[in-house]
Amino acid sequence: MDELKYELLTEISNRLEADLLESYLEANGIDVELFQESVGHSAFPVTIDMLGHVQVFVPKKKLKQAQKLLEKFTSQE
């Protein structure tokens, strides 16, 4: 079996913030995959337990760079 190429960077409880982080990382040359369990997409997202949480995955080879960018991103809030 092939080794996974992406690794979990962080988990965010807000889809808008996850989208902003995705844009920030991609602007700095890092591919991003977002994964979210949901009960459906709508203008008013529903958060039930873990259903509203968004997992942010990045390529393993760029994980350290992404972690540094994540620190900068979270310090700007």
N, C-alpha and C. Protein backbone atom coordinates (compact mmCIF):
# COMPACT_ATOMS: atom_id res chain seq x y z
N MET A 1 0.84 -1.19 0.00
CA MET A 1 0.00 0.00 0.00
C MET A 1 0.88 1.24 0.00
N ASP A 2 0.51 2.23 -0.78
CA ASP A 2 1.27 3.47 -0.84
C ASP A 2 1.13 4.25 0.46
N GLU A 3 2.20 4.92 0.83
CA GLU A 3 2.19 5.77 2.00
C GLU A 3 1.36 7.01 1.69
N LEU A 4 0.63 7.49 2.69
CA LEU A 4 -0.16 8.70 2.51
C LEU A 4 0.75 9.88 2.23
N LYS A 5 0.34 10.76 1.33
CA LYS A 5 1.17 11.89 0.94
C LYS A 5 0.80 13.15 1.70
N TYR A 6 -0.36 13.15 2.37
CA TYR A 6 -0.82 14.32 3.12
C TYR A 6 -0.87 14.01 4.60
N GLU A 7 -0.68 15.04 5.41
CA GLU A 7 -0.72 14.88 6.85
C GLU A 7 -1.58 16.00 7.45
N LEU A 8 -2.23 15.68 8.56
CA LEU A 8 -3.08 16.65 9.24
C LEU A 8 -2.23 17.78 9.81
N LEU A 9 -2.55 19.01 9.43
CA LEU A 9 -1.88 20.19 9.96
C LEU A 9 -2.59 20.70 11.20
N THR A 10 -3.90 20.83 11.09
CA THR A 10 -4.69 21.36 12.21
C THR A 10 -6.15 21.03 12.00
N GLU A 11 -6.93 21.28 13.03
CA GLU A 11 -8.37 21.13 12.94
C GLU A 11 -8.99 22.43 13.41
N ILE A 12 -9.93 22.94 12.64
CA ILE A 12 -10.54 24.24 12.91
C ILE A 12 -12.04 24.06 13.05
N SER A 13 -12.65 24.78 13.97
CA SER A 13 -14.09 24.62 14.22
C SER A 13 -14.95 25.54 13.37
N ASN A 14 -14.35 26.25 12.43
CA ASN A 14 -15.08 27.24 11.66
C ASN A 14 -14.68 27.11 10.19
N ARG A 15 -15.64 26.87 9.30
CA ARG A 15 -15.34 26.67 7.87
C ARG A 15 -14.76 27.93 7.24
N LEU A 16 -15.25 29.10 7.62
CA LEU A 16 -14.74 30.35 7.05
C LEU A 16 -13.26 30.51 7.39
N GLU A 17 -12.89 30.26 8.64
CA GLU A 17 -11.48 30.36 9.04
C GLU A 17 -10.63 29.33 8.30
N ALA A 18 -11.18 28.13 8.09
CA ALA A 18 -10.46 27.09 7.34
C ALA A 18 -10.23 27.52 5.90
N ASP A 19 -11.23 28.15 5.30
CA ASP A 19 -11.09 28.65 3.93
C ASP A 19 -10.03 29.75 3.85
N LEU A 20 -10.00 30.62 4.86
CA LEU A 20 -8.98 31.67 4.89
C LEU A 20 -7.59 31.08 5.03
N LEU A 21 -7.46 30.08 5.92
CA LEU A 21 -6.16 29.41 6.10
C LEU A 21 -5.75 28.72 4.81
N GLU A 22 -6.68 28.08 4.14
CA GLU A 22 -6.39 27.42 2.87
C GLU A 22 -5.83 28.43 1.86
N SER A 23 -6.48 29.57 1.73
CA SER A 23 -6.02 30.60 0.80
C SER A 23 -4.64 31.10 1.17
N TYR A 24 -4.40 31.32 2.46
CA TYR A 24 -3.11 31.79 2.95
C TYR A 24 -2.00 30.80 2.63
N LEU A 25 -2.23 29.52 2.90
CA LEU A 25 -1.22 28.50 2.64
C LEU A 25 -0.97 28.35 1.14
N GLU A 26 -2.03 28.34 0.35
CA GLU A 26 -1.87 28.20 -1.10
C GLU A 26 -1.14 29.40 -1.69
N ALA A 27 -1.36 30.59 -1.14
CA ALA A 27 -0.64 31.78 -1.61
C ALA A 27 0.85 31.67 -1.31
N ASN A 28 1.20 30.82 -0.34
CA ASN A 28 2.59 30.59 0.02
C ASN A 28 3.13 29.28 -0.56
N GLY A 29 2.43 28.75 -1.56
CA GLY A 29 2.94 27.59 -2.30
C GLY A 29 2.68 26.23 -1.68
N ILE A 30 1.71 26.13 -0.79
CA ILE A 30 1.41 24.85 -0.15
C ILE A 30 0.01 24.39 -0.56
N ASP A 31 -0.07 23.20 -1.14
CA ASP A 31 -1.36 22.61 -1.48
C ASP A 31 -2.11 22.27 -0.20
N VAL A 32 -3.42 22.40 -0.24
CA VAL A 32 -4.24 22.14 0.94
C VAL A 32 -5.44 21.29 0.55
N GLU A 33 -5.78 20.36 1.42
CA GLU A 33 -7.01 19.58 1.28
C GLU A 33 -7.79 19.77 2.57
N LEU A 34 -9.05 20.18 2.44
CA LEU A 34 -9.92 20.35 3.60
C LEU A 34 -10.89 19.17 3.67
N PHE A 35 -11.13 18.69 4.87
CA PHE A 35 -12.09 17.60 5.07
C PHE A 35 -13.03 18.00 6.19
N GLN A 36 -14.34 17.91 5.89
CA GLN A 36 -15.33 18.29 6.89
C GLN A 36 -16.52 17.35 6.83
N GLU A 37 -16.87 16.78 7.97
CA GLU A 37 -18.11 16.03 8.09
C GLU A 37 -19.20 17.06 8.27
N SER A 38 -20.30 16.89 7.58
CA SER A 38 -21.38 17.86 7.75
C SER A 38 -22.73 17.21 7.52
N VAL A 39 -23.74 17.93 7.95
CA VAL A 39 -25.10 17.48 7.72
C VAL A 39 -25.69 18.19 6.52
N GLY A 40 -24.82 18.88 5.77
CA GLY A 40 -25.26 19.60 4.58
C GLY A 40 -24.68 20.98 4.57
N HIS A 41 -24.43 21.50 3.39
CA HIS A 41 -23.90 22.84 3.25
C HIS A 41 -25.06 23.81 3.14
N SER A 42 -24.94 24.91 3.86
CA SER A 42 -25.98 25.93 3.79
C SER A 42 -25.38 27.27 4.15
N ALA A 43 -26.17 28.31 4.05
CA ALA A 43 -25.71 29.65 4.43
C ALA A 43 -25.46 29.73 5.93
N PHE A 44 -26.12 28.85 6.69
CA PHE A 44 -25.98 28.81 8.14
C PHE A 44 -25.50 27.42 8.54
N PRO A 45 -24.17 27.22 8.54
CA PRO A 45 -23.64 25.88 8.83
C PRO A 45 -24.06 25.38 10.20
N VAL A 46 -24.31 24.10 10.26
CA VAL A 46 -24.71 23.46 11.50
C VAL A 46 -23.49 22.82 12.14
N THR A 47 -23.31 23.04 13.42
CA THR A 47 -22.22 22.40 14.15
C THR A 47 -22.81 21.52 15.23
N ILE A 48 -22.68 20.22 15.05
CA ILE A 48 -23.15 19.26 16.04
C ILE A 48 -21.95 18.40 16.39
N ASP A 49 -21.50 18.49 17.63
CA ASP A 49 -20.29 17.79 18.07
C ASP A 49 -19.15 18.08 17.10
N MET A 50 -18.63 17.06 16.43
CA MET A 50 -17.48 17.23 15.54
C MET A 50 -17.89 17.53 14.10
N LEU A 51 -19.18 17.62 13.81
CA LEU A 51 -19.62 17.77 12.44
C LEU A 51 -19.23 19.08 11.81
N GLY A 52 -19.04 20.13 12.59
CA GLY A 52 -18.67 21.42 12.03
C GLY A 52 -17.18 21.62 11.90
N HIS A 53 -16.40 20.72 12.45
CA HIS A 53 -14.94 20.88 12.44
C HIS A 53 -14.37 20.57 11.06
N VAL A 54 -13.35 21.34 10.71
CA VAL A 54 -12.69 21.16 9.41
C VAL A 54 -11.25 20.73 9.67
N GLN A 55 -10.85 19.64 9.06
CA GLN A 55 -9.47 19.17 9.15
C GLN A 55 -8.71 19.72 7.96
N VAL A 56 -7.52 20.26 8.23
CA VAL A 56 -6.68 20.87 7.20
C VAL A 56 -5.47 19.96 6.98
N PHE A 57 -5.37 19.41 5.77
CA PHE A 57 -4.27 18.52 5.42
C PHE A 57 -3.34 19.21 4.43
N VAL A 58 -2.04 18.95 4.59
CA VAL A 58 -1.02 19.49 3.68
C VAL A 58 -0.07 18.36 3.29
N PRO A 59 0.67 18.52 2.20
CA PRO A 59 1.64 17.48 1.82
C PRO A 59 2.66 17.28 2.93
N LYS A 60 2.99 16.02 3.20
CA LYS A 60 3.96 15.70 4.26
C LYS A 60 5.28 16.44 4.07
N LYS A 61 5.72 16.56 2.83
CA LYS A 61 7.02 17.17 2.57
C LYS A 61 7.02 18.68 2.87
N LYS A 62 5.83 19.28 3.03
CA LYS A 62 5.76 20.71 3.32
C LYS A 62 5.14 20.99 4.70
N LEU A 63 5.06 19.95 5.54
CA LEU A 63 4.42 20.09 6.83
C LEU A 63 5.11 21.12 7.73
N LYS A 64 6.44 21.08 7.81
CA LYS A 64 7.16 22.03 8.67
C LYS A 64 6.95 23.47 8.22
N GLN A 65 7.00 23.70 6.92
CA GLN A 65 6.76 25.04 6.37
C GLN A 65 5.33 25.48 6.69
N ALA A 66 4.38 24.57 6.54
CA ALA A 66 2.98 24.88 6.83
C ALA A 66 2.78 25.18 8.31
N GLN A 67 3.48 24.48 9.19
CA GLN A 67 3.36 24.73 10.63
C GLN A 67 3.85 26.13 10.98
N LYS A 68 4.94 26.56 10.35
CA LYS A 68 5.45 27.92 10.58
C LYS A 68 4.45 28.97 10.09
N LEU A 69 3.87 28.73 8.91
CA LEU A 69 2.87 29.65 8.37
C LEU A 69 1.62 29.65 9.24
N LEU A 70 1.25 28.50 9.77
CA LEU A 70 0.09 28.42 10.66
C LEU A 70 0.31 29.28 11.92
N GLU A 71 1.52 29.24 12.46
CA GLU A 71 1.84 30.07 13.62
C GLU A 71 1.65 31.54 13.31
N LYS A 72 2.13 31.97 12.15
CA LYS A 72 1.96 33.37 11.73
C LYS A 72 0.48 33.69 11.55
N PHE A 73 -0.24 32.78 10.93
CA PHE A 73 -1.67 32.99 10.65
C PHE A 73 -2.46 33.14 11.95
N THR A 74 -2.19 32.29 12.92
CA THR A 74 -2.94 32.34 14.17
C THR A 74 -2.53 33.52 15.04
N SER A 75 -1.32 34.01 14.88
CA SER A 75 -0.90 35.18 15.69
C SER A 75 -1.48 36.47 15.15
N GLN A 76 -2.02 36.47 13.94
CA GLN A 76 -2.60 37.66 13.33
C GLN A 76 -4.05 37.85 13.74
N GLU A 77 -4.65 36.85 14.35
CA GLU A 77 -6.08 36.94 14.70
C GLU A 77 -6.31 37.90 15.83
